[in-house]
Amino acid sequence: MEAVIFIGIQATGKSTFYKERFFKTHIRINLDMLKTRIREDIFLDACIKAKQPFVVDNTNPSVEDRKKYIDIAKNAKFRVVGYYFQSNIADAIMRNEKREGKERISLAGIKSTHAKLQLPSPEEGFDELYYVKIGEENKFVVEEWKNEI
Protein backbone atom coordinates (compact mmCIF):
# COMPACT_ATOMS: atom_id res chain seq x y z
CA MET A 1 0.00 0.00 0.00
CA GLU A 2 1.47 3.27 -1.10
CA ALA A 3 0.52 6.91 -0.69
CA VAL A 4 2.30 9.30 -3.04
CA ILE A 5 2.32 13.02 -2.34
CA PHE A 6 3.32 15.54 -4.99
CA ILE A 7 4.88 18.85 -3.92
CA GLY A 8 5.41 21.83 -6.20
CA ILE A 9 3.92 24.95 -7.66
CA GLN A 10 1.49 24.89 -10.53
CA ALA A 11 2.78 24.10 -14.05
CA THR A 12 5.77 22.03 -12.92
CA GLY A 13 4.54 18.78 -14.49
CA LYS A 14 2.81 17.04 -11.59
CA SER A 15 -0.31 15.87 -13.46
CA THR A 16 1.67 14.81 -16.53
CA PHE A 17 4.05 12.88 -14.28
CA TYR A 18 1.05 11.15 -12.68
CA LYS A 19 -0.26 10.12 -16.10
CA GLU A 20 3.14 8.74 -17.11
CA ARG A 21 4.08 6.96 -13.88
CA PHE A 22 0.99 6.18 -11.81
CA PHE A 23 -2.12 6.20 -14.02
CA LYS A 24 -2.41 2.41 -14.18
CA THR A 25 -1.62 1.71 -10.53
CA HIS A 26 -2.77 4.59 -8.28
CA ILE A 27 -6.00 6.55 -7.82
CA ARG A 28 -5.51 10.28 -8.44
CA ILE A 29 -6.75 12.60 -5.73
CA ASN A 30 -6.78 16.13 -7.12
CA LEU A 31 -8.68 19.25 -6.07
CA ASP A 32 -8.82 20.54 -9.64
CA MET A 33 -11.13 17.63 -10.46
CA LEU A 34 -12.87 17.07 -7.14
CA LYS A 35 -13.44 20.80 -6.45
CA THR A 36 -14.05 20.49 -2.66
CA ARG A 37 -12.19 19.16 0.37
CA ILE A 38 -15.26 17.10 1.26
CA ARG A 39 -15.05 15.20 -2.03
CA GLU A 40 -11.32 14.87 -1.59
CA ASP A 41 -11.82 13.41 1.90
CA ILE A 42 -14.33 10.87 0.53
CA PHE A 43 -11.85 9.68 -2.11
CA LEU A 44 -9.01 9.58 0.41
CA ASP A 45 -11.11 7.60 2.88
CA ALA A 46 -12.16 5.14 0.16
CA CYS A 47 -8.52 4.55 -0.83
CA ILE A 48 -7.52 3.97 2.79
CA LYS A 49 -10.40 1.55 3.45
CA ALA A 50 -9.81 -0.33 0.20
CA LYS A 51 -6.02 -0.35 0.72
CA GLN A 52 -5.77 1.24 -2.71
CA PRO A 53 -2.55 3.03 -3.69
CA PHE A 54 -3.15 6.72 -4.39
CA VAL A 55 -1.44 9.93 -5.48
CA VAL A 56 -2.28 13.33 -4.00
CA ASP A 57 -1.80 15.50 -7.10
CA ASN A 58 -2.11 18.93 -5.50
CA THR A 59 0.54 21.59 -4.87
CA ASN A 60 0.93 20.66 -1.16
CA PRO A 61 3.35 23.55 -0.62
CA SER A 62 3.62 23.54 3.18
CA VAL A 63 4.50 21.03 5.85
CA GLU A 64 1.00 21.57 7.26
CA ASP A 65 -0.65 20.85 3.89
CA ARG A 66 1.20 17.55 3.64
CA LYS A 67 0.70 16.52 7.28
CA LYS A 68 -2.97 15.58 6.78
CA TYR A 69 -2.17 13.04 4.06
CA ILE A 70 0.95 11.68 5.76
CA ASP A 71 -0.82 11.15 9.10
CA ILE A 72 -3.82 9.40 7.51
CA ALA A 73 -1.60 7.18 5.36
CA LYS A 74 0.80 6.30 8.18
CA ASN A 75 -2.07 5.44 10.53
CA ALA A 76 -3.34 3.01 7.87
CA LYS A 77 0.15 1.47 7.46
CA PHE A 78 0.71 2.89 3.97
CA ARG A 79 4.23 3.62 2.76
CA VAL A 80 4.49 7.37 2.07
CA VAL A 81 6.52 8.60 -0.89
CA GLY A 82 7.03 12.27 -1.76
CA TYR A 83 7.95 13.80 -5.10
CA TYR A 84 9.17 17.39 -5.03
CA PHE A 85 8.88 19.05 -8.43
CA GLN A 86 11.49 21.63 -9.36
CA SER A 87 9.71 24.87 -8.66
CA ASN A 88 11.47 27.40 -10.84
CA ILE A 89 8.81 30.11 -11.00
CA ALA A 90 9.95 31.57 -14.34
CA ASP A 91 9.74 28.18 -16.05
CA ALA A 92 6.36 27.47 -14.46
CA ILE A 93 4.98 30.80 -15.66
CA MET A 94 6.25 30.10 -19.18
CA ARG A 95 4.61 26.64 -19.22
CA ASN A 96 1.41 28.07 -17.73
CA GLU A 97 1.17 30.65 -20.53
CA LYS A 98 0.89 27.78 -23.01
CA ARG A 99 -2.19 26.45 -21.22
CA GLU A 100 -5.69 27.36 -22.33
CA GLY A 101 -9.02 27.92 -20.59
CA LYS A 102 -9.46 26.60 -17.08
CA GLU A 103 -6.08 24.88 -17.27
CA ARG A 104 -4.34 28.26 -17.04
CA ILE A 105 -3.58 29.44 -13.51
CA SER A 106 -3.49 33.12 -12.57
CA LEU A 107 -0.04 34.62 -12.13
CA ALA A 108 -1.06 35.62 -8.60
CA GLY A 109 -1.97 32.00 -7.85
CA ILE A 110 1.41 30.71 -8.93
CA LYS A 111 3.26 33.41 -6.98
CA SER A 112 1.13 32.77 -3.89
CA THR A 113 1.86 29.04 -3.94
CA HIS A 114 5.56 29.70 -4.54
CA ALA A 115 5.65 32.02 -1.50
CA LYS A 116 4.22 29.22 0.70
CA LEU A 117 6.49 26.50 -0.68
CA GLN A 118 8.50 24.63 1.95
CA LEU A 119 10.96 21.89 1.05
CA PRO A 120 9.83 18.47 2.24
CA SER A 121 11.96 16.40 4.58
CA PRO A 122 12.03 12.79 5.75
CA GLU A 123 11.21 14.06 9.25
CA GLU A 124 7.66 14.82 8.05
CA GLY A 125 7.07 11.07 7.80
CA PHE A 126 8.09 10.30 4.24
CA ASP A 127 9.50 6.81 3.74
CA GLU A 128 11.08 7.95 0.47
CA LEU A 129 11.59 11.35 -1.14
CA TYR A 130 12.49 12.21 -4.72
CA TYR A 131 13.33 15.34 -6.66
CA VAL A 132 11.71 15.69 -10.10
CA LYS A 133 12.73 18.09 -12.84
CA ILE A 134 11.89 18.43 -16.50
CA GLY A 135 14.94 17.62 -18.57
CA GLU A 136 15.76 17.51 -22.26
CA GLU A 137 12.89 16.86 -24.67
CA ASN A 138 10.46 17.44 -21.76
CA LYS A 139 11.40 14.11 -20.18
CA PHE A 140 11.17 13.80 -16.42
CA VAL A 141 14.37 13.28 -14.47
CA VAL A 142 13.86 11.69 -11.05
CA GLU A 143 16.63 11.79 -8.46
CA GLU A 144 16.85 10.57 -4.89
CA TRP A 145 16.41 13.26 -2.26
CA LYS A 146 19.57 14.81 -0.86
CA ASN A 147 18.07 17.33 1.61
CA GLU A 148 19.22 20.13 -0.71
CA ILE A 149 18.30 21.67 -4.04
C-alpha atoms as a PDB file:
ATOM      1  CA  MET A   1       0.000   0.000   0.000  1.00  0.00           C
ATOM      2  CA  GLU A   2       1.474   3.272  -1.100  1.00  0.00           C
ATOM      3  CA  ALA A   3       0.524   6.909  -0.687  1.00  0.00           C
ATOM      4  CA  VAL A   4       2.305   9.302  -3.036  1.00  0.00           C
ATOM      5  CA  ILE A   5       2.324  13.023  -2.337  1.00  0.00           C
ATOM      6  CA  PHE A   6       3.321  15.536  -4.988  1.00  0.00           C
ATOM      7  CA  ILE A   7       4.876  18.846  -3.916  1.00  0.00           C
ATOM      8  CA  GLY A   8       5.413  21.829  -6.198  1.00  0.00           C
ATOM      9  CA  ILE A   9       3.916  24.952  -7.658  1.00  0.00           C
ATOM     10  CA  GLN A  10       1.485  24.888 -10.533  1.00  0.00           C
ATOM     11  CA  ALA A  11       2.777  24.105 -14.046  1.00  0.00           C
ATOM     12  CA  THR A  12       5.767  22.031 -12.920  1.00  0.00           C
ATOM     13  CA  GLY A  13       4.544  18.780 -14.486  1.00  0.00           C
ATOM     14  CA  LYS A  14       2.807  17.044 -11.585  1.00  0.00           C
ATOM     15  CA  SER A  15      -0.307  15.873 -13.457  1.00  0.00           C
ATOM     16  CA  THR A  16       1.673  14.815 -16.525  1.00  0.00           C
ATOM     17  CA  PHE A  17       4.051  12.882 -14.276  1.00  0.00           C
ATOM     18  CA  TYR A  18       1.052  11.149 -12.678  1.00  0.00           C
ATOM     19  CA  LYS A  19      -0.261  10.124 -16.096  1.00  0.00           C
ATOM     20  CA  GLU A  20       3.141   8.745 -17.115  1.00  0.00           C
ATOM     21  CA  ARG A  21       4.082   6.962 -13.880  1.00  0.00           C
ATOM     22  CA  PHE A  22       0.988   6.178 -11.811  1.00  0.00           C
ATOM     23  CA  PHE A  23      -2.122   6.198 -14.019  1.00  0.00           C
ATOM     24  CA  LYS A  24      -2.406   2.408 -14.179  1.00  0.00           C
ATOM     25  CA  THR A  25      -1.624   1.711 -10.529  1.00  0.00           C
ATOM     26  CA  HIS A  26      -2.766   4.588  -8.284  1.00  0.00           C
ATOM     27  CA  ILE A  27      -6.002   6.545  -7.821  1.00  0.00           C
ATOM     28  CA  ARG A  28      -5.508  10.278  -8.444  1.00  0.00           C
ATOM     29  CA  ILE A  29      -6.753  12.604  -5.732  1.00  0.00           C
ATOM     30  CA  ASN A  30      -6.783  16.126  -7.117  1.00  0.00           C
ATOM     31  CA  LEU A  31      -8.684  19.246  -6.066  1.00  0.00           C
ATOM     32  CA  ASP A  32      -8.822  20.541  -9.640  1.00  0.00           C
ATOM     33  CA  MET A  33     -11.128  17.634 -10.460  1.00  0.00           C
ATOM     34  CA  LEU A  34     -12.871  17.065  -7.141  1.00  0.00           C
ATOM     35  CA  LYS A  35     -13.441  20.799  -6.448  1.00  0.00           C
ATOM     36  CA  THR A  36     -14.046  20.494  -2.659  1.00  0.00           C
ATOM     37  CA  ARG A  37     -12.188  19.162   0.368  1.00  0.00           C
ATOM     38  CA  ILE A  38     -15.261  17.099   1.264  1.00  0.00           C
ATOM     39  CA  ARG A  39     -15.052  15.196  -2.026  1.00  0.00           C
ATOM     40  CA  GLU A  40     -11.316  14.865  -1.586  1.00  0.00           C
ATOM     41  CA  ASP A  41     -11.817  13.406   1.899  1.00  0.00           C
ATOM     42  CA  ILE A  42     -14.333  10.871   0.531  1.00  0.00           C
ATOM     43  CA  PHE A  43     -11.851   9.677  -2.109  1.00  0.00           C
ATOM     44  CA  LEU A  44      -9.010   9.577   0.414  1.00  0.00           C
ATOM     45  CA  ASP A  45     -11.111   7.601   2.885  1.00  0.00           C
ATOM     46  CA  ALA A  46     -12.161   5.139   0.162  1.00  0.00           C
ATOM     47  CA  CYS A  47      -8.522   4.547  -0.827  1.00  0.00           C
ATOM     48  CA  ILE A  48      -7.519   3.971   2.787  1.00  0.00           C
ATOM     49  CA  LYS A  49     -10.403   1.555   3.452  1.00  0.00           C
ATOM     50  CA  ALA A  50      -9.813  -0.334   0.203  1.00  0.00           C
ATOM     51  CA  LYS A  51      -6.023  -0.351   0.723  1.00  0.00           C
ATOM     52  CA  GLN A  52      -5.772   1.239  -2.713  1.00  0.00           C
ATOM     53  CA  PRO A  53      -2.552   3.030  -3.689  1.00  0.00           C
ATOM     54  CA  PHE A  54      -3.149   6.725  -4.388  1.00  0.00           C
ATOM     55  CA  VAL A  55      -1.443   9.931  -5.482  1.00  0.00           C
ATOM     56  CA  VAL A  56      -2.279  13.327  -4.002  1.00  0.00           C
ATOM     57  CA  ASP A  57      -1.803  15.496  -7.098  1.00  0.00           C
ATOM     58  CA  ASN A  58      -2.106  18.934  -5.503  1.00  0.00           C
ATOM     59  CA  THR A  59       0.542  21.586  -4.874  1.00  0.00           C
ATOM     60  CA  ASN A  60       0.930  20.663  -1.163  1.00  0.00           C
ATOM     61  CA  PRO A  61       3.345  23.555  -0.617  1.00  0.00           C
ATOM     62  CA  SER A  62       3.620  23.541   3.176  1.00  0.00           C
ATOM     63  CA  VAL A  63       4.497  21.033   5.855  1.00  0.00           C
ATOM     64  CA  GLU A  64       1.004  21.566   7.265  1.00  0.00           C
ATOM     65  CA  ASP A  65      -0.648  20.855   3.889  1.00  0.00           C
ATOM     66  CA  ARG A  66       1.203  17.546   3.641  1.00  0.00           C
ATOM     67  CA  LYS A  67       0.697  16.524   7.281  1.00  0.00           C
ATOM     68  CA  LYS A  68      -2.968  15.576   6.781  1.00  0.00           C
ATOM     69  CA  TYR A  69      -2.167  13.039   4.060  1.00  0.00           C
ATOM     70  CA  ILE A  70       0.952  11.685   5.763  1.00  0.00           C
ATOM     71  CA  ASP A  71      -0.824  11.146   9.095  1.00  0.00           C
ATOM     72  CA  ILE A  72      -3.818   9.401   7.510  1.00  0.00           C
ATOM     73  CA  ALA A  73      -1.605   7.184   5.359  1.00  0.00           C
ATOM     74  CA  LYS A  74       0.796   6.298   8.177  1.00  0.00           C
ATOM     75  CA  ASN A  75      -2.073   5.435  10.532  1.00  0.00           C
ATOM     76  CA  ALA A  76      -3.343   3.008   7.870  1.00  0.00           C
ATOM     77  CA  LYS A  77       0.151   1.465   7.456  1.00  0.00           C
ATOM     78  CA  PHE A  78       0.713   2.894   3.974  1.00  0.00           C
ATOM     79  CA  ARG A  79       4.232   3.624   2.762  1.00  0.00           C
ATOM     80  CA  VAL A  80       4.486   7.370   2.066  1.00  0.00           C
ATOM     81  CA  VAL A  81       6.524   8.600  -0.892  1.00  0.00           C
ATOM     82  CA  GLY A  82       7.034  12.269  -1.763  1.00  0.00           C
ATOM     83  CA  TYR A  83       7.951  13.803  -5.103  1.00  0.00           C
ATOM     84  CA  TYR A  84       9.174  17.392  -5.028  1.00  0.00           C
ATOM     85  CA  PHE A  85       8.883  19.053  -8.426  1.00  0.00           C
ATOM     86  CA  GLN A  86      11.494  21.629  -9.359  1.00  0.00           C
ATOM     87  CA  SER A  87       9.711  24.868  -8.663  1.00  0.00           C
ATOM     88  CA  ASN A  88      11.466  27.398 -10.838  1.00  0.00           C
ATOM     89  CA  ILE A  89       8.812  30.110 -10.998  1.00  0.00           C
ATOM     90  CA  ALA A  90       9.951  31.574 -14.336  1.00  0.00           C
ATOM     91  CA  ASP A  91       9.740  28.181 -16.052  1.00  0.00           C
ATOM     92  CA  ALA A  92       6.365  27.469 -14.458  1.00  0.00           C
ATOM     93  CA  ILE A  93       4.975  30.803 -15.658  1.00  0.00           C
ATOM     94  CA  MET A  94       6.248  30.101 -19.180  1.00  0.00           C
ATOM     95  CA  ARG A  95       4.605  26.638 -19.225  1.00  0.00           C
ATOM     96  CA  ASN A  96       1.409  28.066 -17.727  1.00  0.00           C
ATOM     97  CA  GLU A  97       1.169  30.647 -20.532  1.00  0.00           C
ATOM     98  CA  LYS A  98       0.888  27.777 -23.012  1.00  0.00           C
ATOM     99  CA  ARG A  99      -2.192  26.452 -21.221  1.00  0.00           C
ATOM    100  CA  GLU A 100      -5.692  27.355 -22.328  1.00  0.00           C
ATOM    101  CA  GLY A 101      -9.018  27.915 -20.595  1.00  0.00           C
ATOM    102  CA  LYS A 102      -9.457  26.605 -17.076  1.00  0.00           C
ATOM    103  CA  GLU A 103      -6.082  24.883 -17.275  1.00  0.00           C
ATOM    104  CA  ARG A 104      -4.340  28.263 -17.040  1.00  0.00           C
ATOM    105  CA  ILE A 105      -3.584  29.443 -13.512  1.00  0.00           C
ATOM    106  CA  SER A 106      -3.488  33.117 -12.575  1.00  0.00           C
ATOM    107  CA  LEU A 107      -0.040  34.624 -12.129  1.00  0.00           C
ATOM    108  CA  ALA A 108      -1.056  35.623  -8.598  1.00  0.00           C
ATOM    109  CA  GLY A 109      -1.973  32.004  -7.851  1.00  0.00           C
ATOM    110  CA  ILE A 110       1.413  30.710  -8.935  1.00  0.00           C
ATOM    111  CA  LYS A 111       3.256  33.409  -6.984  1.00  0.00           C
ATOM    112  CA  SER A 112       1.130  32.767  -3.891  1.00  0.00           C
ATOM    113  CA  THR A 113       1.862  29.036  -3.936  1.00  0.00           C
ATOM    114  CA  HIS A 114       5.565  29.701  -4.535  1.00  0.00           C
ATOM    115  CA  ALA A 115       5.655  32.016  -1.504  1.00  0.00           C
ATOM    116  CA  LYS A 116       4.220  29.220   0.705  1.00  0.00           C
ATOM    117  CA  LEU A 117       6.492  26.501  -0.677  1.00  0.00           C
ATOM    118  CA  GLN A 118       8.504  24.633   1.949  1.00  0.00           C
ATOM    119  CA  LEU A 119      10.956  21.885   1.046  1.00  0.00           C
ATOM    120  CA  PRO A 120       9.830  18.475   2.238  1.00  0.00           C
ATOM    121  CA  SER A 121      11.963  16.397   4.579  1.00  0.00           C
ATOM    122  CA  PRO A 122      12.030  12.791   5.753  1.00  0.00           C
ATOM    123  CA  GLU A 123      11.212  14.058   9.254  1.00  0.00           C
ATOM    124  CA  GLU A 124       7.660  14.817   8.053  1.00  0.00           C
ATOM    125  CA  GLY A 125       7.071  11.067   7.800  1.00  0.00           C
ATOM    126  CA  PHE A 126       8.087  10.296   4.235  1.00  0.00           C
ATOM    127  CA  ASP A 127       9.504   6.815   3.742  1.00  0.00           C
ATOM    128  CA  GLU A 128      11.076   7.951   0.467  1.00  0.00           C
ATOM    129  CA  LEU A 129      11.586  11.354  -1.138  1.00  0.00           C
ATOM    130  CA  TYR A 130      12.491  12.213  -4.718  1.00  0.00           C
ATOM    131  CA  TYR A 131      13.334  15.336  -6.659  1.00  0.00           C
ATOM    132  CA  VAL A 132      11.713  15.688 -10.095  1.00  0.00           C
ATOM    133  CA  LYS A 133      12.727  18.088 -12.839  1.00  0.00           C
ATOM    134  CA  ILE A 134      11.895  18.433 -16.496  1.00  0.00           C
ATOM    135  CA  GLY A 135      14.936  17.618 -18.570  1.00  0.00           C
ATOM    136  CA  GLU A 136      15.758  17.509 -22.261  1.00  0.00           C
ATOM    137  CA  GLU A 137      12.886  16.865 -24.666  1.00  0.00           C
ATOM    138  CA  ASN A 138      10.460  17.440 -21.758  1.00  0.00           C
ATOM    139  CA  LYS A 139      11.402  14.111 -20.183  1.00  0.00           C
ATOM    140  CA  PHE A 140      11.167  13.798 -16.417  1.00  0.00           C
ATOM    141  CA  VAL A 141      14.367  13.277 -14.474  1.00  0.00           C
ATOM    142  CA  VAL A 142      13.860  11.691 -11.047  1.00  0.00           C
ATOM    143  CA  GLU A 143      16.631  11.789  -8.464  1.00  0.00           C
ATOM    144  CA  GLU A 144      16.852  10.567  -4.894  1.00  0.00           C
ATOM    145  CA  TRP A 145      16.410  13.264  -2.256  1.00  0.00           C
ATOM    146  CA  LYS A 146      19.572  14.810  -0.856  1.00  0.00           C
ATOM    147  CA  ASN A 147      18.073  17.334   1.608  1.00  0.00           C
ATOM    148  CA  GLU A 148      19.224  20.125  -0.711  1.00  0.00           C
ATOM    149  CA  ILE A 149      18.295  21.668  -4.036  1.00  0.00           C
END
